[in-house]
Amino acid sequence: MPLYDRRCHTCGWTKADNYEARDAVVACPNGHATVREWTTAPTMIPDSIPGGRAIENLGHDPVTVYSRSELRRELRARGLEEFVRHVGTPGEGSDKSRHSQRWI
């Protein structure tokens, strides 16, 4: 079932992260009708890297980048891509990890 936020415009009641069917009719504790809407702000990973990140193995001189997009541009200009290693949980017989089941 999907995850929704609910709000009552009559009394101001809100409930975040409510599991319910798409066509469910949900009432607030006071019995008023509620609507589905975003009540919590989405969490975003910032693009900036505070203090910068020095990368010493891209060439003869170290390169310092101050954002993730600047790092991607630098790697793309050199014909490289960032390496991300996925390590599964040992002994479970697959590459799935209980720590990486939900990718948002």
PDB file of N, CA and C in Angstrom:
ATOM      1  N   MET A   1       0.836  -1.178   0.000  1.00  0.00           N
ATOM      2  CA  MET A   1       0.000   0.000   0.000  1.00  0.00           C
ATOM      3  C   MET A   1       0.883   1.245   0.000  1.00  0.00           C
ATOM      4  N   PRO A   2       0.444   2.290  -0.667  1.00  0.00           N
ATOM      5  CA  PRO A   2       1.224   3.534  -0.720  1.00  0.00           C
ATOM      6  C   PRO A   2       1.235   4.275   0.614  1.00  0.00           C
ATOM      7  N   LEU A   3       2.155   5.207   0.703  1.00  0.00           N
ATOM      8  CA  LEU A   3       2.354   6.009   1.906  1.00  0.00           C
ATOM      9  C   LEU A   3       1.857   7.428   1.627  1.00  0.00           C
ATOM     10  N   TYR A   4       0.919   7.920   2.430  1.00  0.00           N
ATOM     11  CA  TYR A   4       0.336   9.244   2.214  1.00  0.00           C
ATOM     12  C   TYR A   4       0.378  10.071   3.490  1.00  0.00           C
ATOM     13  N   ASP A   5       0.274  11.385   3.337  1.00  0.00           N
ATOM     14  CA  ASP A   5       0.072  12.306   4.448  1.00  0.00           C
ATOM     15  C   ASP A   5      -1.392  12.753   4.392  1.00  0.00           C
ATOM     16  N   ARG A   6      -1.994  12.963   5.550  1.00  0.00           N
ATOM     17  CA  ARG A   6      -3.393  13.381   5.623  1.00  0.00           C
ATOM     18  C   ARG A   6      -3.518  14.687   6.382  1.00  0.00           C
ATOM     19  N   ARG A   7      -4.485  15.529   5.975  1.00  0.00           N
ATOM     20  CA  ARG A   7      -4.761  16.794   6.648  1.00  0.00           C
ATOM     21  C   ARG A   7      -6.263  17.037   6.670  1.00  0.00           C
ATOM     22  N   CYS A   8      -6.714  17.544   7.832  1.00  0.00           N
ATOM     23  CA  CYS A   8      -8.111  17.954   7.984  1.00  0.00           C
ATOM     24  C   CYS A   8      -8.145  19.474   7.935  1.00  0.00           C
ATOM     25  N   HIS A   9      -8.850  20.032   6.958  1.00  0.00           N
ATOM     26  CA  HIS A   9      -8.924  21.492   6.826  1.00  0.00           C
ATOM     27  C   HIS A   9      -9.900  22.108   7.823  1.00  0.00           C
ATOM     28  N   THR A  10     -10.757  21.304   8.437  1.00  0.00           N
ATOM     29  CA  THR A  10     -11.719  21.827   9.401  1.00  0.00           C
ATOM     30  C   THR A  10     -11.071  22.106  10.756  1.00  0.00           C
ATOM     31  N   CYS A  11     -10.317  21.113  11.279  1.00  0.00           N
ATOM     32  CA  CYS A  11      -9.738  21.284  12.618  1.00  0.00           C
ATOM     33  C   CYS A  11      -8.208  21.410  12.614  1.00  0.00           C
ATOM     34  N   GLY A  12      -7.563  21.221  11.456  1.00  0.00           N
ATOM     35  CA  GLY A  12      -6.113  21.377  11.375  1.00  0.00           C
ATOM     36  C   GLY A  12      -5.314  20.134  11.724  1.00  0.00           C
ATOM     37  N   TRP A  13      -5.961  18.998  11.947  1.00  0.00           N
ATOM     38  CA  TRP A  13      -5.277  17.748  12.296  1.00  0.00           C
ATOM     39  C   TRP A  13      -4.458  17.258  11.107  1.00  0.00           C
ATOM     40  N   THR A  14      -3.257  16.758  11.378  1.00  0.00           N
ATOM     41  CA  THR A  14      -2.422  16.179  10.319  1.00  0.00           C
ATOM     42  C   THR A  14      -1.844  14.862  10.801  1.00  0.00           C
ATOM     43  N   LYS A  15      -1.580  13.992   9.855  1.00  0.00           N
ATOM     44  CA  LYS A  15      -0.911  12.726  10.136  1.00  0.00           C
ATOM     45  C   LYS A  15       0.013  12.439   8.968  1.00  0.00           C
ATOM     46  N   ALA A  16       1.302  12.266   9.277  1.00  0.00           N
ATOM     47  CA  ALA A  16       2.292  12.012   8.240  1.00  0.00           C
ATOM     48  C   ALA A  16       2.525  10.516   8.108  1.00  0.00           C
ATOM     49  N   ASP A  17       2.912  10.104   6.915  1.00  0.00           N
ATOM     50  CA  ASP A  17       3.298   8.718   6.628  1.00  0.00           C
ATOM     51  C   ASP A  17       2.199   7.728   7.020  1.00  0.00           C
ATOM     52  N   ASN A  18       1.074   7.842   6.376  1.00  0.00           N
ATOM     53  CA  ASN A  18      -0.077   7.002   6.646  1.00  0.00           C
ATOM     54  C   ASN A  18      -0.198   5.959   5.531  1.00  0.00           C
ATOM     55  N   TYR A  19      -0.127   4.665   5.878  1.00  0.00           N
ATOM     56  CA  TYR A  19      -0.307   3.604   4.884  1.00  0.00           C
ATOM     57  C   TYR A  19      -1.797   3.407   4.659  1.00  0.00           C
ATOM     58  N   GLU A  20      -2.210   3.496   3.401  1.00  0.00           N
ATOM     59  CA  GLU A  20      -3.631   3.336   3.099  1.00  0.00           C
ATOM     60  C   GLU A  20      -3.810   3.022   1.628  1.00  0.00           C
ATOM     61  N   ALA A  21      -4.967   2.512   1.288  1.00  0.00           N
ATOM     62  CA  ALA A  21      -5.309   2.250  -0.099  1.00  0.00           C
ATOM     63  C   ALA A  21      -5.547   3.581  -0.810  1.00  0.00           C
ATOM     64  N   ARG A  22      -5.375   3.581  -2.126  1.00  0.00           N
ATOM     65  CA  ARG A  22      -5.478   4.819  -2.903  1.00  0.00           C
ATOM     66  C   ARG A  22      -6.847   5.476  -2.757  1.00  0.00           C
ATOM     67  N   ASP A  23      -7.913   4.707  -2.726  1.00  0.00           N
ATOM     68  CA  ASP A  23      -9.262   5.283  -2.662  1.00  0.00           C
ATOM     69  C   ASP A  23      -9.850   5.264  -1.249  1.00  0.00           C
ATOM     70  N   ALA A  24      -9.017   5.175  -0.233  1.00  0.00           N
ATOM     71  CA  ALA A  24      -9.504   5.110   1.158  1.00  0.00           C
ATOM     72  C   ALA A  24     -10.099   6.452   1.588  1.00  0.00           C
ATOM     73  N   VAL A  25     -11.141   6.380   2.386  1.00  0.00           N
ATOM     74  CA  VAL A  25     -11.754   7.561   2.987  1.00  0.00           C
ATOM     75  C   VAL A  25     -11.328   7.559   4.449  1.00  0.00           C
ATOM     76  N   VAL A  26     -10.556   8.572   4.845  1.00  0.00           N
ATOM     77  CA  VAL A  26     -10.012   8.624   6.202  1.00  0.00           C
ATOM     78  C   VAL A  26     -10.561   9.860   6.900  1.00  0.00           C
ATOM     79  N   ALA A  27     -11.046   9.668   8.120  1.00  0.00           N
ATOM     80  CA  ALA A  27     -11.564  10.787   8.916  1.00  0.00           C
ATOM     81  C   ALA A  27     -10.556  11.129  10.010  1.00  0.00           C
ATOM     82  N   CYS A  28     -10.552  12.387  10.438  1.00  0.00           N
ATOM     83  CA  CYS A  28      -9.695  12.806  11.545  1.00  0.00           C
ATOM     84  C   CYS A  28     -10.300  12.301  12.855  1.00  0.00           C
ATOM     85  N   PRO A  29      -9.607  12.428  13.981  1.00  0.00           N
ATOM     86  CA  PRO A  29     -10.175  11.973  15.261  1.00  0.00           C
ATOM     87  C   PRO A  29     -11.497  12.651  15.632  1.00  0.00           C
ATOM     88  N   ASN A  30     -11.742  13.849  15.074  1.00  0.00           N
ATOM     89  CA  ASN A  30     -13.001  14.563  15.359  1.00  0.00           C
ATOM     90  C   ASN A  30     -14.121  14.171  14.399  1.00  0.00           C
ATOM     91  N   GLY A  31     -13.831  13.275  13.435  1.00  0.00           N
ATOM     92  CA  GLY A  31     -14.858  12.801  12.517  1.00  0.00           C
ATOM     93  C   GLY A  31     -14.991  13.576  11.221  1.00  0.00           C
ATOM     94  N   HIS A  32     -14.143  14.585  10.993  1.00  0.00           N
ATOM     95  CA  HIS A  32     -14.203  15.360   9.749  1.00  0.00           C
ATOM     96  C   HIS A  32     -13.484  14.630   8.622  1.00  0.00           C
ATOM     97  N   ALA A  33     -13.852  14.927   7.404  1.00  0.00           N
ATOM     98  CA  ALA A  33     -13.201  14.335   6.232  1.00  0.00           C
ATOM     99  C   ALA A  33     -11.796  14.933   6.078  1.00  0.00           C
ATOM    100  N   THR A  34     -10.860  14.122   5.610  1.00  0.00           N
ATOM    101  CA  THR A  34      -9.486  14.578   5.394  1.00  0.00           C
ATOM    102  C   THR A  34      -9.133  14.464   3.920  1.00  0.00           C
ATOM    103  N   VAL A  35      -8.073  15.145   3.539  1.00  0.00           N
ATOM    104  CA  VAL A  35      -7.574  15.084   2.164  1.00  0.00           C
ATOM    105  C   VAL A  35      -6.114  14.647   2.196  1.00  0.00           C
ATOM    106  N   ARG A  36      -5.683  14.005   1.100  1.00  0.00           N
ATOM    107  CA  ARG A  36      -4.291  13.628   0.963  1.00  0.00           C
ATOM    108  C   ARG A  36      -3.517  14.823   0.447  1.00  0.00           C
ATOM    109  N   GLU A  37      -2.454  15.188   1.148  1.00  0.00           N
ATOM    110  CA  GLU A  37      -1.570  16.241   0.657  1.00  0.00           C
ATOM    111  C   GLU A  37      -0.249  16.150   1.407  1.00  0.00           C
ATOM    112  N   TRP A  38       0.787  16.790   0.845  1.00  0.00           N
ATOM    113  CA  TRP A  38       2.092  16.795   1.488  1.00  0.00           C
ATOM    114  C   TRP A  38       2.051  17.696   2.709  1.00  0.00           C
ATOM    115  N   THR A  39       2.311  17.099   3.877  1.00  0.00           N
ATOM    116  CA  THR A  39       2.371  17.899   5.094  1.00  0.00           C
ATOM    117  C   THR A  39       3.805  18.010   5.603  1.00  0.00           C
ATOM    118  N   THR A  40       4.695  17.163   5.106  1.00  0.00           N
ATOM    119  CA  THR A  40       6.100  17.213   5.492  1.00  0.00           C
ATOM    120  C   THR A  40       6.925  17.616   4.287  1.00  0.00           C
ATOM    121  N   ALA A  41       7.974  18.362   4.528  1.00  0.00           N
ATOM    122  CA  ALA A  41       8.846  18.784   3.437  1.00  0.00           C
ATOM    123  C   ALA A  41       9.749  17.627   3.026  1.00  0.00           C
ATOM    124  N   PRO A  42       9.932  17.416   1.722  1.00  0.00           N
ATOM    125  CA  PRO A  42      10.828  16.350   1.297  1.00  0.00           C
ATOM    126  C   PRO A  42      12.269  16.656   1.694  1.00  0.00           C
ATOM    127  N   THR A  43      13.006  15.627   2.018  1.00  0.00           N
ATOM    128  CA  THR A  43      14.398  15.791   2.420  1.00  0.00           C
ATOM    129  C   THR A  43      15.281  15.717   1.180  1.00  0.00           C
ATOM    130  N   MET A  44      16.118  16.708   1.007  1.00  0.00           N
ATOM    131  CA  MET A  44      17.011  16.757  -0.151  1.00  0.00           C
ATOM    132  C   MET A  44      18.456  16.684   0.319  1.00  0.00           C
ATOM    133  N   ILE A  45      19.273  15.963  -0.423  1.00  0.00           N
ATOM    134  CA  ILE A  45      20.698  15.924  -0.137  1.00  0.00           C
ATOM    135  C   ILE A  45      21.314  17.164  -0.776  1.00  0.00           C
ATOM    136  N   PRO A  46      22.023  17.984  -0.019  1.00  0.00           N
ATOM    137  CA  PRO A  46      22.580  19.203  -0.594  1.00  0.00           C
ATOM    138  C   PRO A  46      23.658  18.900  -1.628  1.00  0.00           C
ATOM    139  N   ASP A  47      23.784  19.780  -2.605  1.00  0.00           N
ATOM    140  CA  ASP A  47      24.781  19.616  -3.662  1.00  0.00           C
ATOM    141  C   ASP A  47      26.167  20.049  -3.187  1.00  0.00           C
ATOM    142  N   SER A  48      26.223  20.965  -2.234  1.00  0.00           N
ATOM    143  CA  SER A  48      27.514  21.515  -1.824  1.00  0.00           C
ATOM    144  C   SER A  48      28.295  20.535  -0.954  1.00  0.00           C
ATOM    145  N   ILE A  49      29.616  20.645  -1.016  1.00  0.00           N
ATOM    146  CA  ILE A  49      30.520  19.881  -0.161  1.00  0.00           C
ATOM    147  C   ILE A  49      31.229  20.905   0.715  1.00  0.00           C
ATOM    148  N   PRO A  50      30.819  21.058   1.979  1.00  0.00           N
ATOM    149  CA  PRO A  50      31.426  22.080   2.847  1.00  0.00           C
ATOM    150  C   PRO A  50      32.931  21.860   2.994  1.00  0.00           C
ATOM    151  N   GLY A  51      33.709  22.899   2.735  1.00  0.00           N
ATOM    152  CA  GLY A  51      35.169  22.804   2.835  1.00  0.00           C
ATOM    153  C   GLY A  51      35.830  22.219   1.609  1.00  0.00           C
ATOM    154  N   GLY A  52      35.055  21.660   0.709  1.00  0.00           N
ATOM    155  CA  GLY A  52      35.607  21.089  -0.508  1.00  0.00           C
ATOM    156  C   GLY A  52      36.132  19.678  -0.306  1.00  0.00           C
ATOM    157  N   ARG A  53      36.395  19.018  -1.403  1.00  0.00           N
ATOM    158  CA  ARG A  53      36.960  17.667  -1.409  1.00  0.00           C
ATOM    159  C   ARG A  53      38.142  17.658  -2.354  1.00  0.00           C
ATOM    160  N   ALA A  54      39.303  17.358  -1.821  1.00  0.00           N
ATOM    161  CA  ALA A  54      40.518  17.311  -2.636  1.00  0.00           C
ATOM    162  C   ALA A  54      40.683  15.901  -3.196  1.00  0.00           C
ATOM    163  N   ILE A  55      40.841  15.817  -4.518  1.00  0.00           N
ATOM    164  CA  ILE A  55      41.036  14.531  -5.183  1.00  0.00           C
ATOM    165  C   ILE A  55      42.433  14.565  -5.784  1.00  0.00           C
ATOM    166  N   GLU A  56      43.280  13.650  -5.340  1.00  0.00           N
ATOM    167  CA  GLU A  56      44.693  13.692  -5.715  1.00  0.00           C
ATOM    168  C   GLU A  56      45.060  12.774  -6.861  1.00  0.00           C
ATOM    169  N   ASN A  57      44.185  11.893  -7.289  1.00  0.00           N
ATOM    170  CA  ASN A  57      44.568  10.934  -8.318  1.00  0.00           C
ATOM    171  C   ASN A  57      43.881  11.142  -9.666  1.00  0.00           C
ATOM    172  N   LEU A  58      43.509  12.371  -9.976  1.00  0.00           N
ATOM    173  CA  LEU A  58      42.916  12.655 -11.289  1.00  0.00           C
ATOM    174  C   LEU A  58      43.952  13.126 -12.305  1.00  0.00           C
ATOM    175  N   GLY A  59      45.094  13.538 -11.846  1.00  0.00           N
ATOM    176  CA  GLY A  59      46.137  14.041 -12.741  1.00  0.00           C
ATOM    177  C   GLY A  59      47.380  14.361 -11.954  1.00  0.00           C
ATOM    178  N   HIS A  60      48.234  15.234 -12.527  1.00  0.00           N
ATOM    179  CA  HIS A  60      49.482  15.592 -11.852  1.00  0.00           C
ATOM    180  C   HIS A  60      49.255  16.476 -10.637  1.00  0.00           C
ATOM    181  N   ASP A  61      48.251  17.325 -10.687  1.00  0.00           N
ATOM    182  CA  ASP A  61      47.974  18.239  -9.579  1.00  0.00           C
ATOM    183  C   ASP A  61      46.649  17.861  -8.914  1.00  0.00           C
ATOM    184  N   PRO A  62      46.540  18.051  -7.592  1.00  0.00           N
ATOM    185  CA  PRO A  62      45.267  17.779  -6.907  1.00  0.00           C
ATOM    186  C   PRO A  62      44.168  18.715  -7.403  1.00  0.00           C
ATOM    187  N   VAL A  63      42.953  18.210  -7.419  1.00  0.00           N
ATOM    188  CA  VAL A  63      41.780  18.979  -7.835  1.00  0.00           C
ATOM    189  C   VAL A  63      40.850  19.068  -6.628  1.00  0.00           C
ATOM    190  N   THR A  64      40.392  20.277  -6.305  1.00  0.00           N
ATOM    191  CA  THR A  64      39.446  20.473  -5.209  1.00  0.00           C
ATOM    192  C   THR A  64      38.102  20.869  -5.798  1.00  0.00           C
ATOM    193  N   VAL A  65      37.065  20.135  -5.415  1.00  0.00           N
ATOM    194  CA  VAL A  65      35.713  20.436  -5.878  1.00  0.00           C
ATOM    195  C   VAL A  65      34.868  20.821  -4.665  1.00  0.00           C
ATOM    196  N   TYR A  66      33.893  21.692  -4.876  1.00  0.00           N
ATOM    197  CA  TYR A  66      33.072  22.207  -3.782  1.00  0.00           C
ATOM    198  C   TYR A  66      31.603  21.832  -3.910  1.00  0.00           C
ATOM    199  N   SER A  67      31.251  20.986  -4.898  1.00  0.00           N
ATOM    200  CA  SER A  67      29.881  20.499  -5.024  1.00  0.00           C
ATOM    201  C   SER A  67      29.902  19.175  -5.770  1.00  0.00           C
ATOM    202  N   ARG A  68      28.817  18.413  -5.619  1.00  0.00           N
ATOM    203  CA  ARG A  68      28.727  17.123  -6.296  1.00  0.00           C
ATOM    204  C   ARG A  68      28.603  17.315  -7.801  1.00  0.00           C
ATOM    205  N   SER A  69      27.909  18.364  -8.224  1.00  0.00           N
ATOM    206  CA  SER A  69      27.785  18.608  -9.665  1.00  0.00           C
ATOM    207  C   SER A  69      29.123  19.020 -10.260  1.00  0.00           C
ATOM    208  N   GLU A  70      29.941  19.764  -9.520  1.00  0.00           N
ATOM    209  CA  GLU A  70      31.281  20.120  -9.983  1.00  0.00           C
ATOM    210  C   GLU A  70      32.150  18.870 -10.110  1.00  0.00           C
ATOM    211  N   LEU A  71      32.013  17.923  -9.184  1.00  0.00           N
ATOM    212  CA  LEU A  71      32.748  16.663  -9.257  1.00  0.00           C
ATOM    213  C   LEU A  71      32.329  15.877 -10.496  1.00  0.00           C
ATOM    214  N   ARG A  72      31.019  15.789 -10.769  1.00  0.00           N
ATOM    215  CA  ARG A  72      30.545  15.076 -11.970  1.00  0.00           C
ATOM    216  C   ARG A  72      31.079  15.712 -13.239  1.00  0.00           C
ATOM    217  N   ARG A  73      31.081  17.052 -13.305  1.00  0.00           N
ATOM    218  CA  ARG A  73      31.618  17.735 -14.493  1.00  0.00           C
ATOM    219  C   ARG A  73      33.101  17.444 -14.678  1.00  0.00           C
ATOM    220  N   GLU A  74      33.860  17.469 -13.574  1.00  0.00           N
ATOM    221  CA  GLU A  74      35.297  17.207 -13.634  1.00  0.00           C
ATOM    222  C   GLU A  74      35.570  15.784 -14.098  1.00  0.00           C
ATOM    223  N   LEU A  75      34.825  14.828 -13.568  1.00  0.00           N
ATOM    224  CA  LEU A  75      35.009  13.440 -13.981  1.00  0.00           C
ATOM    225  C   LEU A  75      34.619  13.246 -15.436  1.00  0.00           C
ATOM    226  N   ARG A  76      33.505  13.851 -15.868  1.00  0.00           N
ATOM    227  CA  ARG A  76      33.051  13.731 -17.250  1.00  0.00           C
ATOM    228  C   ARG A  76      34.062  14.340 -18.213  1.00  0.00           C
ATOM    229  N   ALA A  77      34.677  15.470 -17.831  1.00  0.00           N
ATOM    230  CA  ALA A  77      35.675  16.111 -18.691  1.00  0.00           C
ATOM    231  C   ALA A  77      36.911  15.230 -18.888  1.00  0.00           C
ATOM    232  N   ARG A  78      37.181  14.370 -17.907  1.00  0.00           N
ATOM    233  CA  ARG A  78      38.338  13.474 -17.993  1.00  0.00           C
ATOM    234  C   ARG A  78      37.958  12.083 -18.500  1.00  0.00           C
ATOM    235  N   GLY A  79      36.688  11.888 -18.878  1.00  0.00           N
ATOM    236  CA  GLY A  79      36.245  10.599 -19.391  1.00  0.00           C
ATOM    237  C   GLY A  79      36.115   9.535 -18.309  1.00  0.00           C
ATOM    238  N   LEU A  80      35.842   9.943 -17.085  1.00  0.00           N
ATOM    239  CA  LEU A  80      35.744   9.013 -15.954  1.00  0.00           C
ATOM    240  C   LEU A  80      34.328   9.009 -15.396  1.00  0.00           C
ATOM    241  N   GLU A  81      34.017   8.013 -14.586  1.00  0.00           N
ATOM    242  CA  GLU A  81      32.758   7.996 -13.854  1.00  0.00           C
ATOM    243  C   GLU A  81      33.027   7.518 -12.440  1.00  0.00           C
ATOM    244  N   GLU A  82      32.198   7.974 -11.513  1.00  0.00           N
ATOM    245  CA  GLU A  82      32.383   7.638 -10.110  1.00  0.00           C
ATOM    246  C   GLU A  82      32.063   6.165  -9.884  1.00  0.00           C
ATOM    247  N   PHE A  83      32.907   5.480  -9.143  1.00  0.00           N
ATOM    248  CA  PHE A  83      32.729   4.065  -8.853  1.00  0.00           C
ATOM    249  C   PHE A  83      31.968   3.906  -7.557  1.00  0.00           C
ATOM    250  N   VAL A  84      30.862   3.185  -7.625  1.00  0.00           N
ATOM    251  CA  VAL A  84      30.058   2.920  -6.432  1.00  0.00           C
ATOM    252  C   VAL A  84      30.026   1.409  -6.255  1.00  0.00           C
ATOM    253  N   ARG A  85      30.465   0.955  -5.112  1.00  0.00           N
ATOM    254  CA  ARG A  85      30.511  -0.487  -4.847  1.00  0.00           C
ATOM    255  C   ARG A  85      29.275  -0.888  -4.049  1.00  0.00           C
ATOM    256  N   HIS A  86      28.583  -1.907  -4.558  1.00  0.00           N
ATOM    257  CA  HIS A  86      27.444  -2.457  -3.819  1.00  0.00           C
ATOM    258  C   HIS A  86      27.895  -3.771  -3.212  1.00  0.00           C
ATOM    259  N   VAL A  87      27.783  -3.886  -1.926  1.00  0.00           N
ATOM    260  CA  VAL A  87      28.184  -5.104  -1.229  1.00  0.00           C
ATOM    261  C   VAL A  87      26.947  -5.712  -0.593  1.00  0.00           C
ATOM    262  N   GLY A  88      26.643  -6.929  -0.968  1.00  0.00           N
ATOM    263  CA  GLY A  88      25.497  -7.619  -0.405  1.00  0.00           C
ATOM    264  C   GLY A  88      25.795  -8.128   0.995  1.00  0.00           C
ATOM    265  N   THR A  89      24.759  -8.623   1.644  1.00  0.00           N
ATOM    266  CA  THR A  89      24.926  -9.170   2.980  1.00  0.00           C
ATOM    267  C   THR A  89      25.511 -10.574   2.872  1.00  0.00           C
ATOM    268  N   PRO A  90      26.642 -10.840   3.520  1.00  0.00           N
ATOM    269  CA  PRO A  90      27.248 -12.172   3.422  1.00  0.00           C
ATOM    270  C   PRO A  90      26.343 -13.249   4.014  1.00  0.00           C
ATOM    271  N   GLY A  91      26.337 -14.407   3.374  1.00  0.00           N
ATOM    272  CA  GLY A  91      25.592 -15.547   3.897  1.00  0.00           C
ATOM    273  C   GLY A  91      24.126 -15.585   3.526  1.00  0.00           C
ATOM    274  N   GLU A  92      23.613 -14.573   2.840  1.00  0.00           N
ATOM    275  CA  GLU A  92      22.195 -14.577   2.478  1.00  0.00           C
ATOM    276  C   GLU A  92      21.951 -15.127   1.081  1.00  0.00           C
ATOM    277  N   GLY A  93      23.019 -15.401   0.347  1.00  0.00           N
ATOM    278  CA  GLY A  93      22.871 -16.031  -0.955  1.00  0.00           C
ATOM    279  C   GLY A  93      22.472 -15.118  -2.089  1.00  0.00           C
ATOM    280  N   SER A  94      22.479 -13.829  -1.909  1.00  0.00           N
ATOM    281  CA  SER A  94      22.163 -12.902  -2.991  1.00  0.00           C
ATOM    282  C   SER A  94      22.915 -11.606  -2.756  1.00  0.00           C
ATOM    283  N   ASP A  95      22.789 -10.686  -3.703  1.00  0.00           N
ATOM    284  CA  ASP A  95      23.455  -9.395  -3.539  1.00  0.00           C
ATOM    285  C   ASP A  95      22.562  -8.391  -2.814  1.00  0.00           C
ATOM    286  N   LYS A  96      21.389  -8.813  -2.359  1.00  0.00           N
ATOM    287  CA  LYS A  96      20.489  -7.905  -1.652  1.00  0.00           C
ATOM    288  C   LYS A  96      20.976  -7.676  -0.230  1.00  0.00           C
ATOM    289  N   SER A  97      20.814  -6.488   0.234  1.00  0.00           N
ATOM    290  CA  SER A  97      21.203  -6.136   1.591  1.00  0.00           C
ATOM    291  C   SER A  97      19.993  -5.576   2.312  1.00  0.00           C
ATOM    292  N   ARG A  98      19.837  -5.898   3.588  1.00  0.00           N
ATOM    293  CA  ARG A  98      18.705  -5.355   4.332  1.00  0.00           C
ATOM    294  C   ARG A  98      18.833  -3.856   4.524  1.00  0.00           C
ATOM    295  N   HIS A  99      20.030  -3.308   4.298  1.00  0.00           N
ATOM    296  CA  HIS A  99      20.255  -1.872   4.438  1.00  0.00           C
ATOM    297  C   HIS A  99      19.948  -1.106   3.154  1.00  0.00           C
ATOM    298  N   SER A 100      19.716  -1.793   2.040  1.00  0.00           N
ATOM    299  CA  SER A 100      19.484  -1.112   0.767  1.00  0.00           C
ATOM    300  C   SER A 100      18.290  -1.712   0.034  1.00  0.00           C
ATOM    301  N   GLN A 101      17.191  -1.885   0.728  1.00  0.00           N
ATOM    302  CA  GLN A 101      16.008  -2.443   0.095  1.00  0.00           C
ATOM    303  C   GLN A 101      15.105  -1.388  -0.514  1.00  0.00           C
ATOM    304  N   ARG A 102      15.197  -0.155  -0.038  1.00  0.00           N
ATOM    305  CA  ARG A 102      14.324   0.896  -0.552  1.00  0.00           C
ATOM    306  C   ARG A 102      15.184   2.045  -1.051  1.00  0.00           C
ATOM    307  N   TRP A 103      15.203   2.236  -2.355  1.00  0.00           N
ATOM    308  CA  TRP A 103      15.990   3.324  -2.964  1.00  0.00           C
ATOM    309  C   TRP A 103      15.028   4.423  -3.351  1.00  0.00           C
ATOM    310  N   ILE A 104      15.270   5.631  -2.851  1.00  0.00           N
ATOM    311  CA  ILE A 104      14.389   6.755  -3.141  1.00  0.00           C
ATOM    312  C   ILE A 104      15.116   7.736  -4.009  1.00  0.00           C
TER     313      ILE A 104
END
